[in-house]
Amino acid sequence: MDASSILVFVMFVGSMFIVADLADELGRKRSRWIWIAAAIGPFAIPMLYLVAAISAFRKMINAARP
């Protein structure tokens, strides 16, 4: 294994730990987000925040109806 393969592996595993903690903080299902991070790596971190923002926006729109 060369150094770049090890770096990619470490980034994917590290993002899994980070996303697990962030999912707990944002009230999302931890195991689901760990698997997403395993599949897409560090891109799961901004995706988690994007999903939380979209969810909050949808709740805001639905609450505005009489």
PDB file of N, CA and C in Angstrom:
ATOM      1  N   MET A   1       0.847  -1.185   0.000  1.00  0.00           N
ATOM      2  CA  MET A   1       0.000   0.000   0.000  1.00  0.00           C
ATOM      3  C   MET A   1       0.884   1.237   0.000  1.00  0.00           C
ATOM      4  N   ASP A   2       0.538   2.162  -0.853  1.00  0.00           N
ATOM      5  CA  ASP A   2       1.311   3.396  -0.869  1.00  0.00           C
ATOM      6  C   ASP A   2       0.698   4.428   0.079  1.00  0.00           C
ATOM      7  N   ALA A   3       1.345   5.547   0.211  1.00  0.00           N
ATOM      8  CA  ALA A   3       0.949   6.556   1.199  1.00  0.00           C
ATOM      9  C   ALA A   3      -0.402   7.181   0.870  1.00  0.00           C
ATOM     10  N   SER A   4      -0.716   7.352  -0.403  1.00  0.00           N
ATOM     11  CA  SER A   4      -1.995   7.973  -0.755  1.00  0.00           C
ATOM     12  C   SER A   4      -3.170   7.065  -0.414  1.00  0.00           C
ATOM     13  N   SER A   5      -3.008   5.764  -0.561  1.00  0.00           N
ATOM     14  CA  SER A   5      -4.074   4.827  -0.200  1.00  0.00           C
ATOM     15  C   SER A   5      -4.322   4.836   1.307  1.00  0.00           C
ATOM     16  N   ILE A   6      -3.247   4.912   2.060  1.00  0.00           N
ATOM     17  CA  ILE A   6      -3.385   4.968   3.517  1.00  0.00           C
ATOM     18  C   ILE A   6      -4.062   6.266   3.931  1.00  0.00           C
ATOM     19  N   LEU A   7      -3.708   7.380   3.284  1.00  0.00           N
ATOM     20  CA  LEU A   7      -4.318   8.670   3.594  1.00  0.00           C
ATOM     21  C   LEU A   7      -5.812   8.665   3.298  1.00  0.00           C
ATOM     22  N   VAL A   8      -6.208   8.108   2.178  1.00  0.00           N
ATOM     23  CA  VAL A   8      -7.629   8.021   1.829  1.00  0.00           C
ATOM     24  C   VAL A   8      -8.368   7.156   2.839  1.00  0.00           C
ATOM     25  N   PHE A   9      -7.789   6.044   3.226  1.00  0.00           N
ATOM     26  CA  PHE A   9      -8.415   5.166   4.215  1.00  0.00           C
ATOM     27  C   PHE A   9      -8.595   5.880   5.552  1.00  0.00           C
ATOM     28  N   VAL A  10      -7.575   6.603   5.992  1.00  0.00           N
ATOM     29  CA  VAL A  10      -7.645   7.335   7.254  1.00  0.00           C
ATOM     30  C   VAL A  10      -8.712   8.431   7.174  1.00  0.00           C
ATOM     31  N   MET A  11      -8.815   9.104   6.036  1.00  0.00           N
ATOM     32  CA  MET A  11      -9.833  10.149   5.879  1.00  0.00           C
ATOM     33  C   MET A  11     -11.238   9.563   5.945  1.00  0.00           C
ATOM     34  N   PHE A  12     -11.451   8.415   5.319  1.00  0.00           N
ATOM     35  CA  PHE A  12     -12.775   7.796   5.344  1.00  0.00           C
ATOM     36  C   PHE A  12     -13.138   7.342   6.761  1.00  0.00           C
ATOM     37  N   VAL A  13     -12.211   6.713   7.447  1.00  0.00           N
ATOM     38  CA  VAL A  13     -12.477   6.248   8.807  1.00  0.00           C
ATOM     39  C   VAL A  13     -12.660   7.435   9.751  1.00  0.00           C
ATOM     40  N   GLY A  14     -11.843   8.451   9.601  1.00  0.00           N
ATOM     41  CA  GLY A  14     -11.973   9.643  10.431  1.00  0.00           C
ATOM     42  C   GLY A  14     -13.296  10.350  10.218  1.00  0.00           C
ATOM     43  N   SER A  15     -13.744  10.408   8.976  1.00  0.00           N
ATOM     44  CA  SER A  15     -15.035  11.053   8.710  1.00  0.00           C
ATOM     45  C   SER A  15     -16.185  10.250   9.316  1.00  0.00           C
ATOM     46  N   MET A  16     -16.015   8.948   9.431  1.00  0.00           N
ATOM     47  CA  MET A  16     -17.057   8.141  10.061  1.00  0.00           C
ATOM     48  C   MET A  16     -17.219   8.516  11.532  1.00  0.00           C
ATOM     49  N   PHE A  17     -16.112   8.725  12.234  1.00  0.00           N
ATOM     50  CA  PHE A  17     -16.193   9.131  13.640  1.00  0.00           C
ATOM     51  C   PHE A  17     -16.774  10.532  13.788  1.00  0.00           C
ATOM     52  N   ILE A  18     -16.353  11.443  12.925  1.00  0.00           N
ATOM     53  CA  ILE A  18     -16.850  12.819  12.992  1.00  0.00           C
ATOM     54  C   ILE A  18     -18.340  12.869  12.697  1.00  0.00           C
ATOM     55  N   VAL A  19     -18.764  12.176  11.661  1.00  0.00           N
ATOM     56  CA  VAL A  19     -20.179  12.180  11.287  1.00  0.00           C
ATOM     57  C   VAL A  19     -21.031  11.519  12.361  1.00  0.00           C
ATOM     58  N   ALA A  20     -20.518  10.506  13.024  1.00  0.00           N
ATOM     59  CA  ALA A  20     -21.284   9.862  14.098  1.00  0.00           C
ATOM     60  C   ALA A  20     -21.570  10.855  15.221  1.00  0.00           C
ATOM     61  N   ASP A  21     -20.568  11.624  15.610  1.00  0.00           N
ATOM     62  CA  ASP A  21     -20.779  12.622  16.666  1.00  0.00           C
ATOM     63  C   ASP A  21     -21.712  13.735  16.209  1.00  0.00           C
ATOM     64  N   LEU A  22     -21.539  14.197  14.981  1.00  0.00           N
ATOM     65  CA  LEU A  22     -22.402  15.257  14.467  1.00  0.00           C
ATOM     66  C   LEU A  22     -23.845  14.790  14.330  1.00  0.00           C
ATOM     67  N   ALA A  23     -24.041  13.554  13.932  1.00  0.00           N
ATOM     68  CA  ALA A  23     -25.397  13.026  13.805  1.00  0.00           C
ATOM     69  C   ALA A  23     -26.089  12.991  15.161  1.00  0.00           C
ATOM     70  N   ASP A  24     -25.354  12.630  16.203  1.00  0.00           N
ATOM     71  CA  ASP A  24     -25.936  12.663  17.554  1.00  0.00           C
ATOM     72  C   ASP A  24     -26.337  14.076  17.946  1.00  0.00           C
ATOM     73  N   GLU A  25     -25.482  15.041  17.655  1.00  0.00           N
ATOM     74  CA  GLU A  25     -25.775  16.428  18.009  1.00  0.00           C
ATOM     75  C   GLU A  25     -26.973  16.974  17.253  1.00  0.00           C
ATOM     76  N   LEU A  26     -27.124  16.572  16.000  1.00  0.00           N
ATOM     77  CA  LEU A  26     -28.207  17.091  15.175  1.00  0.00           C
ATOM     78  C   LEU A  26     -29.481  16.247  15.266  1.00  0.00           C
ATOM     79  N   GLY A  27     -29.440  15.188  16.054  1.00  0.00           N
ATOM     80  CA  GLY A  27     -30.628  14.365  16.242  1.00  0.00           C
ATOM     81  C   GLY A  27     -30.927  13.435  15.088  1.00  0.00           C
ATOM     82  N   ARG A  28     -29.919  13.024  14.384  1.00  0.00           N
ATOM     83  CA  ARG A  28     -30.084  12.097  13.257  1.00  0.00           C
ATOM     84  C   ARG A  28     -29.679  10.693  13.689  1.00  0.00           C
ATOM     85  N   LYS A  29     -30.076   9.723  12.892  1.00  0.00           N
ATOM     86  CA  LYS A  29     -29.760   8.335  13.194  1.00  0.00           C
ATOM     87  C   LYS A  29     -28.274   8.073  12.944  1.00  0.00           C
ATOM     88  N   ARG A  30     -27.586   7.709  14.012  1.00  0.00           N
ATOM     89  CA  ARG A  30     -26.126   7.577  13.981  1.00  0.00           C
ATOM     90  C   ARG A  30     -25.651   6.491  13.021  1.00  0.00           C
ATOM     91  N   SER A  31     -26.253   5.312  13.060  1.00  0.00           N
ATOM     92  CA  SER A  31     -25.774   4.201  12.235  1.00  0.00           C
ATOM     93  C   SER A  31     -25.952   4.489  10.742  1.00  0.00           C
ATOM     94  N   ARG A  32     -27.033   5.147  10.386  1.00  0.00           N
ATOM     95  CA  ARG A  32     -27.260   5.484   8.979  1.00  0.00           C
ATOM     96  C   ARG A  32     -26.159   6.409   8.465  1.00  0.00           C
ATOM     97  N   TRP A  33     -25.794   7.393   9.265  1.00  0.00           N
ATOM     98  CA  TRP A  33     -24.798   8.359   8.822  1.00  0.00           C
ATOM     99  C   TRP A  33     -23.393   7.774   8.840  1.00  0.00           C
ATOM    100  N   ILE A  34     -23.151   6.799   9.682  1.00  0.00           N
ATOM    101  CA  ILE A  34     -21.850   6.124   9.635  1.00  0.00           C
ATOM    102  C   ILE A  34     -21.700   5.374   8.313  1.00  0.00           C
ATOM    103  N   TRP A  35     -22.752   4.715   7.870  1.00  0.00           N
ATOM    104  CA  TRP A  35     -22.695   4.001   6.599  1.00  0.00           C
ATOM    105  C   TRP A  35     -22.566   4.966   5.425  1.00  0.00           C
ATOM    106  N   ILE A  36     -23.244   6.101   5.508  1.00  0.00           N
ATOM    107  CA  ILE A  36     -23.108   7.103   4.443  1.00  0.00           C
ATOM    108  C   ILE A  36     -21.672   7.609   4.391  1.00  0.00           C
ATOM    109  N   ALA A  37     -21.070   7.872   5.552  1.00  0.00           N
ATOM    110  CA  ALA A  37     -19.684   8.325   5.595  1.00  0.00           C
ATOM    111  C   ALA A  37     -18.738   7.250   5.083  1.00  0.00           C
ATOM    112  N   ALA A  38     -19.060   5.999   5.314  1.00  0.00           N
ATOM    113  CA  ALA A  38     -18.224   4.920   4.793  1.00  0.00           C
ATOM    114  C   ALA A  38     -18.280   4.881   3.266  1.00  0.00           C
ATOM    115  N   ALA A  39     -19.423   5.265   2.706  1.00  0.00           N
ATOM    116  CA  ALA A  39     -19.580   5.222   1.254  1.00  0.00           C
ATOM    117  C   ALA A  39     -18.994   6.448   0.555  1.00  0.00           C
ATOM    118  N   ILE A  40     -19.224   7.642   1.122  1.00  0.00           N
ATOM    119  CA  ILE A  40     -18.802   8.850   0.408  1.00  0.00           C
ATOM    120  C   ILE A  40     -17.698   9.623   1.116  1.00  0.00           C
ATOM    121  N   GLY A  41     -17.276   9.136   2.252  1.00  0.00           N
ATOM    122  CA  GLY A  41     -16.138   9.729   2.945  1.00  0.00           C
ATOM    123  C   GLY A  41     -16.414  11.091   3.535  1.00  0.00           C
ATOM    124  N   PRO A  42     -15.465  11.998   3.412  1.00  0.00           N
ATOM    125  CA  PRO A  42     -15.587  13.314   4.037  1.00  0.00           C
ATOM    126  C   PRO A  42     -16.737  14.156   3.491  1.00  0.00           C
ATOM    127  N   PHE A  43     -17.271  13.792   2.333  1.00  0.00           N
ATOM    128  CA  PHE A  43     -18.407  14.534   1.785  1.00  0.00           C
ATOM    129  C   PHE A  43     -19.672  14.349   2.613  1.00  0.00           C
ATOM    130  N   ALA A  44     -19.677  13.392   3.519  1.00  0.00           N
ATOM    131  CA  ALA A  44     -20.839  13.167   4.378  1.00  0.00           C
ATOM    132  C   ALA A  44     -20.998  14.279   5.413  1.00  0.00           C
ATOM    133  N   ILE A  45     -19.916  14.954   5.769  1.00  0.00           N
ATOM    134  CA  ILE A  45     -19.990  16.004   6.785  1.00  0.00           C
ATOM    135  C   ILE A  45     -20.830  17.180   6.290  1.00  0.00           C
ATOM    136  N   PRO A  46     -20.525  17.786   5.128  1.00  0.00           N
ATOM    137  CA  PRO A  46     -21.403  18.861   4.671  1.00  0.00           C
ATOM    138  C   PRO A  46     -22.795  18.370   4.287  1.00  0.00           C
ATOM    139  N   MET A  47     -22.887  17.115   3.837  1.00  0.00           N
ATOM    140  CA  MET A  47     -24.187  16.562   3.489  1.00  0.00           C
ATOM    141  C   MET A  47     -25.090  16.469   4.719  1.00  0.00           C
ATOM    142  N   LEU A  48     -24.533  16.132   5.862  1.00  0.00           N
ATOM    143  CA  LEU A  48     -25.298  16.056   7.101  1.00  0.00           C
ATOM    144  C   LEU A  48     -25.871  17.417   7.459  1.00  0.00           C
ATOM    145  N   TYR A  49     -25.055  18.465   7.348  1.00  0.00           N
ATOM    146  CA  TYR A  49     -25.541  19.814   7.621  1.00  0.00           C
ATOM    147  C   TYR A  49     -26.575  20.259   6.592  1.00  0.00           C
ATOM    148  N   LEU A  50     -26.404  19.877   5.338  1.00  0.00           N
ATOM    149  CA  LEU A  50     -27.362  20.226   4.297  1.00  0.00           C
ATOM    150  C   LEU A  50     -28.708  19.574   4.549  1.00  0.00           C
ATOM    151  N   VAL A  51     -28.699  18.312   4.942  1.00  0.00           N
ATOM    152  CA  VAL A  51     -29.949  17.610   5.243  1.00  0.00           C
ATOM    153  C   VAL A  51     -30.641  18.241   6.447  1.00  0.00           C
ATOM    154  N   ALA A  52     -29.881  18.630   7.459  1.00  0.00           N
ATOM    155  CA  ALA A  52     -30.466  19.277   8.631  1.00  0.00           C
ATOM    156  C   ALA A  52     -31.076  20.629   8.265  1.00  0.00           C
ATOM    157  N   ALA A  53     -30.410  21.382   7.387  1.00  0.00           N
ATOM    158  CA  ALA A  53     -30.935  22.684   6.971  1.00  0.00           C
ATOM    159  C   ALA A  53     -32.206  22.523   6.145  1.00  0.00           C
ATOM    160  N   ILE A  54     -32.231  21.563   5.258  1.00  0.00           N
ATOM    161  CA  ILE A  54     -33.425  21.322   4.448  1.00  0.00           C
ATOM    162  C   ILE A  54     -34.581  20.884   5.334  1.00  0.00           C
ATOM    163  N   SER A  55     -34.303  20.037   6.303  1.00  0.00           N
ATOM    164  CA  SER A  55     -35.341  19.589   7.224  1.00  0.00           C
ATOM    165  C   SER A  55     -35.909  20.759   8.027  1.00  0.00           C
ATOM    166  N   ALA A  56     -35.051  21.635   8.515  1.00  0.00           N
ATOM    167  CA  ALA A  56     -35.512  22.803   9.272  1.00  0.00           C
ATOM    168  C   ALA A  56     -36.326  23.732   8.379  1.00  0.00           C
ATOM    169  N   PHE A  57     -35.911  23.893   7.141  1.00  0.00           N
ATOM    170  CA  PHE A  57     -36.642  24.737   6.199  1.00  0.00           C
ATOM    171  C   PHE A  57     -38.025  24.168   5.913  1.00  0.00           C
ATOM    172  N   ARG A  58     -38.108  22.853   5.730  1.00  0.00           N
ATOM    173  CA  ARG A  58     -39.404  22.222   5.478  1.00  0.00           C
ATOM    174  C   ARG A  58     -40.330  22.348   6.675  1.00  0.00           C
ATOM    175  N   LYS A  59     -39.783  22.220   7.887  1.00  0.00           N
ATOM    176  CA  LYS A  59     -40.600  22.399   9.077  1.00  0.00           C
ATOM    177  C   LYS A  59     -41.108  23.825   9.191  1.00  0.00           C
ATOM    178  N   MET A  60     -40.274  24.786   8.833  1.00  0.00           N
ATOM    179  CA  MET A  60     -40.661  26.177   8.892  1.00  0.00           C
ATOM    180  C   MET A  60     -41.784  26.475   7.896  1.00  0.00           C
ATOM    181  N   ILE A  61     -41.687  25.919   6.708  1.00  0.00           N
ATOM    182  CA  ILE A  61     -42.719  26.141   5.694  1.00  0.00           C
ATOM    183  C   ILE A  61     -44.033  25.490   6.119  1.00  0.00           C
ATOM    184  N   ASN A  62     -43.974  24.268   6.625  1.00  0.00           N
ATOM    185  CA  ASN A  62     -45.195  23.573   7.033  1.00  0.00           C
ATOM    186  C   ASN A  62     -45.835  24.200   8.248  1.00  0.00           C
ATOM    187  N   ALA A  63     -45.073  24.815   9.131  1.00  0.00           N
ATOM    188  CA  ALA A  63     -45.631  25.450  10.313  1.00  0.00           C
ATOM    189  C   ALA A  63     -46.318  26.765   9.972  1.00  0.00           C
ATOM    190  N   ALA A  64     -45.981  27.365   8.843  1.00  0.00           N
ATOM    191  CA  ALA A  64     -46.555  28.664   8.469  1.00  0.00           C
ATOM    192  C   ALA A  64     -47.988  28.541   7.959  1.00  0.00           C
ATOM    193  N   ARG A  65     -48.406  27.351   7.605  1.00  0.00           N
ATOM    194  CA  ARG A  65     -49.784  27.169   7.103  1.00  0.00           C
ATOM    195  C   ARG A  65     -50.785  27.238   8.261  1.00  0.00           C
ATOM    196  N   PRO A  66     -51.944  27.860   7.991  1.00  0.00           N
ATOM    197  CA  PRO A  66     -52.972  27.950   9.041  1.00  0.00           C
ATOM    198  C   PRO A  66     -53.698  26.661   9.302  1.00  0.00           C
TER     199      PRO A  66
END
